[in-house]
């Protein structure tokens, strides 16, 4: 009887160790959110040529299929408009069709989807 109990204990310990090794070596899940919006607006505070024209996005939630699955946030916008403050109280507006951008933060509030820390995927975030 003692040998049988010892075998059961040994088998249980080996199974627990194997299960523990599997759980601790599994790679963490990579969250990502992919969203399509029909329109968006942005405001760029840097003069043109010194920054990304769409560092943030604001779009009506009704025109987006936003479901927050975590960062990074990938947006495709059919018609994106940005207003750039060029200094001296002057502004310049730009419109881009089929904008593709990746943002570090996004969420919904008061019927709008807002995103920040945006850049073109594959390029430096420091522009």
N, C-alpha and C. Protein backbone atom coordinates (compact mmCIF):
# COMPACT_ATOMS: atom_id res chain seq x y z
N UNK A 1 0.83 -1.19 0.00
CA UNK A 1 0.00 0.00 0.00
C UNK A 1 0.87 1.25 0.00
N UNK A 2 1.99 1.22 0.77
CA UNK A 2 2.88 2.37 0.85
C UNK A 2 3.47 2.70 -0.52
N UNK A 3 3.86 1.66 -1.30
CA UNK A 3 4.42 1.87 -2.64
C UNK A 3 3.38 2.47 -3.58
N UNK A 4 2.15 2.03 -3.46
CA UNK A 4 1.09 2.57 -4.31
C UNK A 4 0.86 4.06 -4.00
N UNK A 5 0.81 4.42 -2.72
CA UNK A 5 0.64 5.82 -2.33
C UNK A 5 1.82 6.66 -2.80
N UNK A 6 3.01 6.11 -2.71
CA UNK A 6 4.20 6.83 -3.15
C UNK A 6 4.15 7.06 -4.66
N UNK A 7 3.71 6.02 -5.43
CA UNK A 7 3.59 6.18 -6.88
C UNK A 7 2.55 7.25 -7.24
N UNK A 8 1.43 7.28 -6.54
CA UNK A 8 0.40 8.27 -6.80
C UNK A 8 0.92 9.66 -6.49
N UNK A 9 1.62 9.81 -5.37
CA UNK A 9 2.20 11.11 -5.00
C UNK A 9 3.23 11.55 -6.04
N UNK A 10 4.08 10.62 -6.46
CA UNK A 10 5.12 10.95 -7.44
C UNK A 10 4.48 11.35 -8.77
N UNK A 11 3.48 10.61 -9.23
CA UNK A 11 2.79 10.93 -10.47
C UNK A 11 2.09 12.28 -10.36
N UNK A 12 1.44 12.54 -9.24
CA UNK A 12 0.77 13.83 -9.04
C UNK A 12 1.75 14.98 -9.03
N UNK A 13 2.90 14.80 -8.39
CA UNK A 13 3.92 15.86 -8.34
C UNK A 13 4.48 16.13 -9.73
N UNK A 14 4.73 15.06 -10.51
CA UNK A 14 5.25 15.22 -11.87
C UNK A 14 4.23 15.94 -12.75
N UNK A 15 2.96 15.59 -12.61
CA UNK A 15 1.90 16.24 -13.38
C UNK A 15 1.78 17.70 -13.01
N UNK A 16 1.85 18.02 -11.74
CA UNK A 16 1.78 19.41 -11.29
C UNK A 16 2.96 20.21 -11.81
N UNK A 17 4.15 19.62 -11.79
CA UNK A 17 5.34 20.32 -12.30
C UNK A 17 5.23 20.56 -13.79
N UNK A 18 4.75 19.58 -14.54
CA UNK A 18 4.59 19.74 -15.99
C UNK A 18 3.56 20.81 -16.31
N UNK A 19 2.45 20.80 -15.60
CA UNK A 19 1.41 21.80 -15.81
C UNK A 19 1.93 23.18 -15.48
N UNK A 20 2.67 23.30 -14.39
CA UNK A 20 3.24 24.58 -14.00
C UNK A 20 4.21 25.09 -15.05
N UNK A 21 5.03 24.21 -15.60
CA UNK A 21 5.99 24.62 -16.63
C UNK A 21 5.27 25.10 -17.87
N UNK A 22 4.19 24.46 -18.24
CA UNK A 22 3.44 24.87 -19.43
C UNK A 22 2.82 26.24 -19.23
N UNK A 23 2.25 26.48 -18.07
CA UNK A 23 1.59 27.76 -17.80
C UNK A 23 2.61 28.89 -17.75
N UNK A 24 3.76 28.68 -17.12
CA UNK A 24 4.73 29.76 -16.97
C UNK A 24 5.50 30.04 -18.25
N UNK A 25 5.55 29.10 -19.19
CA UNK A 25 6.30 29.35 -20.42
C UNK A 25 5.43 29.82 -21.57
N UNK A 26 4.12 29.88 -21.38
CA UNK A 26 3.23 30.34 -22.44
C UNK A 26 3.44 31.83 -22.69
N UNK A 27 3.55 32.26 -23.96
CA UNK A 27 3.75 33.68 -24.26
C UNK A 27 2.50 34.48 -23.93
N UNK A 28 2.67 35.74 -23.49
CA UNK A 28 1.50 36.56 -23.20
C UNK A 28 0.76 36.93 -24.48
N UNK A 29 -0.54 37.09 -24.38
CA UNK A 29 -1.36 37.47 -25.53
C UNK A 29 -1.07 38.92 -25.92
N UNK A 30 -1.05 39.20 -27.21
CA UNK A 30 -0.82 40.55 -27.71
C UNK A 30 -2.17 41.13 -28.10
N UNK A 31 -2.61 42.12 -27.36
CA UNK A 31 -3.90 42.76 -27.66
C UNK A 31 -3.72 43.72 -28.82
N UNK A 32 -4.77 43.96 -29.54
CA UNK A 32 -4.77 44.94 -30.62
C UNK A 32 -6.21 45.25 -30.99
N UNK A 33 -6.43 46.49 -31.40
CA UNK A 33 -7.75 46.92 -31.82
C UNK A 33 -7.65 47.45 -33.25
N UNK A 34 -8.49 46.95 -34.12
CA UNK A 34 -8.54 47.43 -35.50
C UNK A 34 -9.90 48.06 -35.71
N UNK A 35 -9.90 49.31 -36.17
CA UNK A 35 -11.14 50.08 -36.28
C UNK A 35 -11.21 50.80 -37.62
N UNK A 36 -12.41 50.89 -38.15
CA UNK A 36 -12.67 51.66 -39.37
C UNK A 36 -13.64 52.78 -39.02
N UNK A 37 -13.33 54.00 -39.46
CA UNK A 37 -14.23 55.15 -39.26
C UNK A 37 -14.46 55.82 -40.61
N UNK A 38 -15.64 56.37 -40.80
CA UNK A 38 -15.93 57.05 -42.05
C UNK A 38 -15.29 58.44 -42.10
N UNK A 39 -15.28 59.16 -40.96
CA UNK A 39 -14.65 60.49 -40.92
C UNK A 39 -13.96 60.68 -39.57
N UNK A 40 -13.00 61.61 -39.55
CA UNK A 40 -12.37 62.00 -38.28
C UNK A 40 -11.81 63.40 -38.43
N UNK A 41 -11.59 64.05 -37.30
CA UNK A 41 -10.93 65.35 -37.28
C UNK A 41 -9.73 65.26 -36.33
N UNK A 42 -8.75 66.10 -36.57
CA UNK A 42 -7.54 66.15 -35.76
C UNK A 42 -7.09 67.59 -35.60
N UNK A 43 -6.25 67.80 -34.60
CA UNK A 43 -5.62 69.10 -34.40
C UNK A 43 -4.14 68.86 -34.15
N UNK A 44 -3.30 69.43 -35.00
CA UNK A 44 -1.85 69.31 -34.86
C UNK A 44 -1.32 70.64 -34.36
N UNK A 45 -0.58 70.59 -33.27
CA UNK A 45 -0.08 71.82 -32.67
C UNK A 45 1.25 72.27 -33.23
N UNK A 46 1.96 71.39 -33.91
CA UNK A 46 3.26 71.74 -34.45
C UNK A 46 3.12 72.34 -35.84
N UNK A 47 4.02 73.25 -36.20
CA UNK A 47 4.00 73.78 -37.58
C UNK A 47 4.20 72.65 -38.59
N UNK A 48 3.67 72.82 -39.78
CA UNK A 48 3.80 71.79 -40.81
C UNK A 48 5.28 71.51 -41.06
N UNK A 49 5.56 70.27 -41.36
CA UNK A 49 6.93 69.86 -41.62
C UNK A 49 7.68 69.48 -40.35
N UNK A 50 7.13 69.76 -39.17
CA UNK A 50 7.81 69.43 -37.92
C UNK A 50 7.07 68.39 -37.10
N UNK A 51 5.99 67.86 -37.61
CA UNK A 51 5.25 66.88 -36.83
C UNK A 51 4.27 66.13 -37.71
N UNK A 52 3.71 65.08 -37.16
CA UNK A 52 2.73 64.27 -37.87
C UNK A 52 1.41 65.03 -37.92
N UNK A 53 0.75 65.05 -39.08
CA UNK A 53 -0.47 65.83 -39.26
C UNK A 53 -1.66 65.25 -38.50
N UNK A 54 -1.59 63.98 -38.08
CA UNK A 54 -2.71 63.34 -37.39
C UNK A 54 -2.22 62.71 -36.07
N UNK A 55 -1.75 63.52 -35.11
CA UNK A 55 -1.26 62.96 -33.84
C UNK A 55 -2.40 62.47 -32.95
N UNK A 56 -3.61 62.85 -33.30
CA UNK A 56 -4.81 62.44 -32.55
C UNK A 56 -5.97 62.34 -33.53
N UNK A 57 -7.01 61.63 -33.14
CA UNK A 57 -8.21 61.48 -33.97
C UNK A 57 -9.43 61.66 -33.09
N UNK A 58 -10.47 62.24 -33.66
CA UNK A 58 -11.78 62.33 -33.00
C UNK A 58 -12.82 62.04 -34.07
N UNK A 59 -13.65 61.04 -33.81
CA UNK A 59 -14.62 60.61 -34.80
C UNK A 59 -15.94 60.29 -34.12
N UNK A 60 -17.07 60.58 -34.79
CA UNK A 60 -18.37 60.19 -34.23
C UNK A 60 -18.41 58.67 -34.06
N UNK A 61 -18.79 58.22 -32.87
CA UNK A 61 -18.84 56.78 -32.59
C UNK A 61 -19.79 56.06 -33.55
N UNK A 62 -20.85 56.75 -33.99
CA UNK A 62 -21.81 56.14 -34.91
C UNK A 62 -21.17 55.81 -36.25
N UNK A 63 -20.08 56.48 -36.61
CA UNK A 63 -19.41 56.23 -37.88
C UNK A 63 -18.20 55.33 -37.76
N UNK A 64 -18.00 54.72 -36.59
CA UNK A 64 -16.85 53.84 -36.36
C UNK A 64 -17.32 52.47 -35.86
N UNK A 65 -16.51 51.47 -36.13
CA UNK A 65 -16.81 50.14 -35.60
C UNK A 65 -15.85 49.83 -34.45
N UNK A 66 -15.74 50.77 -33.51
CA UNK A 66 -14.76 50.68 -32.42
C UNK A 66 -15.22 49.72 -31.33
N UNK A 67 -14.42 48.71 -31.10
CA UNK A 67 -14.56 47.80 -29.96
C UNK A 67 -13.18 47.72 -29.35
N UNK A 68 -13.03 48.15 -28.10
CA UNK A 68 -11.72 48.24 -27.47
C UNK A 68 -11.19 46.87 -27.07
N UNK A 69 -10.19 46.41 -27.83
CA UNK A 69 -9.50 45.16 -27.52
C UNK A 69 -8.10 45.42 -27.00
N UNK A 70 -7.80 46.68 -26.69
CA UNK A 70 -6.48 47.03 -26.17
C UNK A 70 -5.56 47.59 -27.23
N UNK A 71 -4.44 48.14 -26.76
CA UNK A 71 -3.44 48.75 -27.63
C UNK A 71 -2.62 47.66 -28.33
N UNK A 72 -2.03 47.97 -29.46
CA UNK A 72 -2.11 49.22 -30.20
C UNK A 72 -3.45 49.34 -30.93
N UNK A 73 -3.82 50.58 -31.23
CA UNK A 73 -5.09 50.87 -31.89
C UNK A 73 -4.82 51.22 -33.35
N UNK A 74 -5.30 50.40 -34.26
CA UNK A 74 -5.11 50.62 -35.69
C UNK A 74 -6.40 51.21 -36.26
N UNK A 75 -6.29 52.39 -36.85
CA UNK A 75 -7.44 53.07 -37.43
C UNK A 75 -7.28 53.19 -38.94
N UNK A 76 -8.37 52.96 -39.66
CA UNK A 76 -8.48 53.31 -41.07
C UNK A 76 -9.64 54.29 -41.14
N UNK A 77 -9.39 55.47 -41.73
CA UNK A 77 -10.40 56.51 -41.80
C UNK A 77 -10.61 56.87 -43.27
N UNK A 78 -11.87 56.81 -43.72
CA UNK A 78 -12.16 57.13 -45.13
C UNK A 78 -11.78 58.56 -45.48
N UNK A 79 -12.20 59.53 -44.66
CA UNK A 79 -11.88 60.95 -44.89
C UNK A 79 -11.45 61.58 -43.58
N UNK A 80 -10.16 61.88 -43.46
CA UNK A 80 -9.60 62.46 -42.24
C UNK A 80 -9.21 63.91 -42.51
N UNK A 81 -9.65 64.80 -41.64
CA UNK A 81 -9.32 66.22 -41.77
C UNK A 81 -8.55 66.65 -40.54
N UNK A 82 -7.48 67.42 -40.75
CA UNK A 82 -6.70 67.94 -39.63
C UNK A 82 -6.52 69.44 -39.80
N UNK A 83 -6.51 70.12 -38.68
CA UNK A 83 -6.21 71.56 -38.66
C UNK A 83 -4.87 71.72 -37.97
N UNK A 84 -3.93 72.34 -38.68
CA UNK A 84 -2.58 72.55 -38.15
C UNK A 84 -2.44 74.00 -37.74
N UNK A 85 -2.03 74.23 -36.50
CA UNK A 85 -1.76 75.58 -36.01
C UNK A 85 -0.32 75.91 -36.37
N UNK A 86 -0.15 76.85 -37.32
CA UNK A 86 1.16 77.14 -37.87
C UNK A 86 1.86 78.30 -37.20
N UNK A 87 1.24 78.89 -36.21
CA UNK A 87 1.86 80.01 -35.50
C UNK A 87 1.26 81.33 -35.91
N UNK A 88 1.36 82.32 -35.05
CA UNK A 88 0.83 83.64 -35.35
C UNK A 88 -0.68 83.64 -35.54
N UNK A 89 -1.37 82.67 -34.96
CA UNK A 89 -2.82 82.61 -35.10
C UNK A 89 -3.28 82.03 -36.42
N UNK A 90 -2.36 81.57 -37.25
CA UNK A 90 -2.70 81.02 -38.56
C UNK A 90 -2.94 79.51 -38.46
N UNK A 91 -3.85 79.02 -39.30
CA UNK A 91 -4.12 77.59 -39.37
C UNK A 91 -4.13 77.15 -40.83
N UNK A 92 -3.88 75.88 -41.03
CA UNK A 92 -3.95 75.28 -42.36
C UNK A 92 -4.68 73.96 -42.20
N UNK A 93 -5.65 73.69 -43.06
CA UNK A 93 -6.40 72.44 -43.00
C UNK A 93 -5.96 71.49 -44.11
N UNK A 94 -5.93 70.21 -43.77
CA UNK A 94 -5.56 69.16 -44.72
C UNK A 94 -6.61 68.06 -44.64
N UNK A 95 -6.91 67.47 -45.79
CA UNK A 95 -7.82 66.33 -45.84
C UNK A 95 -7.10 65.18 -46.52
N UNK A 96 -7.18 64.01 -45.91
CA UNK A 96 -6.53 62.81 -46.43
C UNK A 96 -7.59 61.72 -46.57
N UNK A 97 -7.59 61.06 -47.71
CA UNK A 97 -8.49 59.93 -47.95
C UNK A 97 -7.76 58.65 -47.57
N UNK A 98 -8.50 57.72 -46.97
CA UNK A 98 -7.99 56.40 -46.61
C UNK A 98 -6.76 56.49 -45.69
N UNK A 99 -6.87 57.26 -44.64
CA UNK A 99 -5.78 57.39 -43.66
C UNK A 99 -5.65 56.10 -42.87
N UNK A 100 -4.42 55.61 -42.74
CA UNK A 100 -4.12 54.45 -41.90
C UNK A 100 -3.13 54.91 -40.85
N UNK A 101 -3.51 54.74 -39.59
CA UNK A 101 -2.67 55.20 -38.50
C UNK A 101 -2.76 54.24 -37.33
N UNK A 102 -1.74 54.27 -36.48
CA UNK A 102 -1.71 53.45 -35.27
C UNK A 102 -1.58 54.40 -34.08
N UNK A 103 -2.37 54.16 -33.04
CA UNK A 103 -2.37 55.04 -31.87
C UNK A 103 -2.10 54.24 -30.60
N UNK A 104 -1.56 54.91 -29.59
CA UNK A 104 -1.23 54.23 -28.33
C UNK A 104 -2.39 54.23 -27.35
N UNK A 105 -3.30 55.21 -27.44
CA UNK A 105 -4.44 55.31 -26.52
C UNK A 105 -5.71 55.61 -27.31
N UNK A 106 -6.82 55.03 -26.89
CA UNK A 106 -8.12 55.30 -27.54
C UNK A 106 -9.24 54.96 -26.57
N UNK A 107 -10.37 55.59 -26.80
CA UNK A 107 -11.54 55.31 -25.98
C UNK A 107 -12.75 56.06 -26.51
N UNK A 108 -13.89 55.87 -25.85
CA UNK A 108 -15.11 56.55 -26.26
C UNK A 108 -15.62 57.42 -25.12
N UNK A 109 -16.23 58.53 -25.50
CA UNK A 109 -16.84 59.44 -24.53
C UNK A 109 -17.79 60.37 -25.26
N UNK A 110 -18.97 60.56 -24.69
CA UNK A 110 -19.96 61.50 -25.23
C UNK A 110 -20.24 61.30 -26.71
N UNK A 111 -20.31 60.04 -27.15
CA UNK A 111 -20.66 59.76 -28.53
C UNK A 111 -19.52 59.88 -29.53
N UNK A 112 -18.28 59.99 -29.05
CA UNK A 112 -17.12 60.11 -29.93
C UNK A 112 -16.06 59.08 -29.57
N UNK A 113 -15.31 58.67 -30.59
CA UNK A 113 -14.11 57.86 -30.39
C UNK A 113 -12.94 58.83 -30.47
N UNK A 114 -12.07 58.81 -29.48
CA UNK A 114 -10.89 59.67 -29.46
C UNK A 114 -9.65 58.79 -29.36
N UNK A 115 -8.60 59.17 -30.07
CA UNK A 115 -7.34 58.43 -30.05
C UNK A 115 -6.18 59.41 -29.96
N UNK A 116 -5.12 58.99 -29.26
CA UNK A 116 -3.94 59.85 -29.05
C UNK A 116 -2.68 59.03 -29.26
N UNK A 117 -1.58 59.75 -29.44
CA UNK A 117 -0.30 59.07 -29.66
C UNK A 117 -0.27 58.35 -31.00
N UNK A 118 -0.83 58.99 -32.02
CA UNK A 118 -0.97 58.35 -33.33
C UNK A 118 0.25 58.61 -34.21
N UNK A 119 0.55 57.64 -35.07
CA UNK A 119 1.62 57.75 -36.05
C UNK A 119 1.35 56.76 -37.18
N UNK A 120 2.09 56.90 -38.26
CA UNK A 120 1.97 55.96 -39.37
C UNK A 120 2.72 54.70 -38.98
N UNK A 121 2.08 53.53 -39.02
CA UNK A 121 2.78 52.29 -38.65
C UNK A 121 4.05 52.12 -39.46
N UNK A 122 5.10 51.68 -38.79
CA UNK A 122 6.38 51.46 -39.46
C UNK A 122 7.28 52.68 -39.47
N UNK A 123 6.82 53.80 -38.91
CA UNK A 123 7.66 54.99 -38.84
C UNK A 123 7.91 55.33 -37.38
N UNK A 124 8.86 56.18 -37.15
CA UNK A 124 9.19 56.60 -35.79
C UNK A 124 8.05 57.39 -35.20
N UNK A 125 7.84 57.25 -33.91
CA UNK A 125 6.81 58.03 -33.21
C UNK A 125 7.30 59.43 -32.92
N UNK A 126 8.60 59.62 -32.96
CA UNK A 126 9.18 60.94 -32.70
C UNK A 126 9.38 61.62 -34.04
N UNK A 127 8.50 62.49 -34.41
CA UNK A 127 8.61 63.18 -35.69
C UNK A 127 8.56 64.65 -35.46
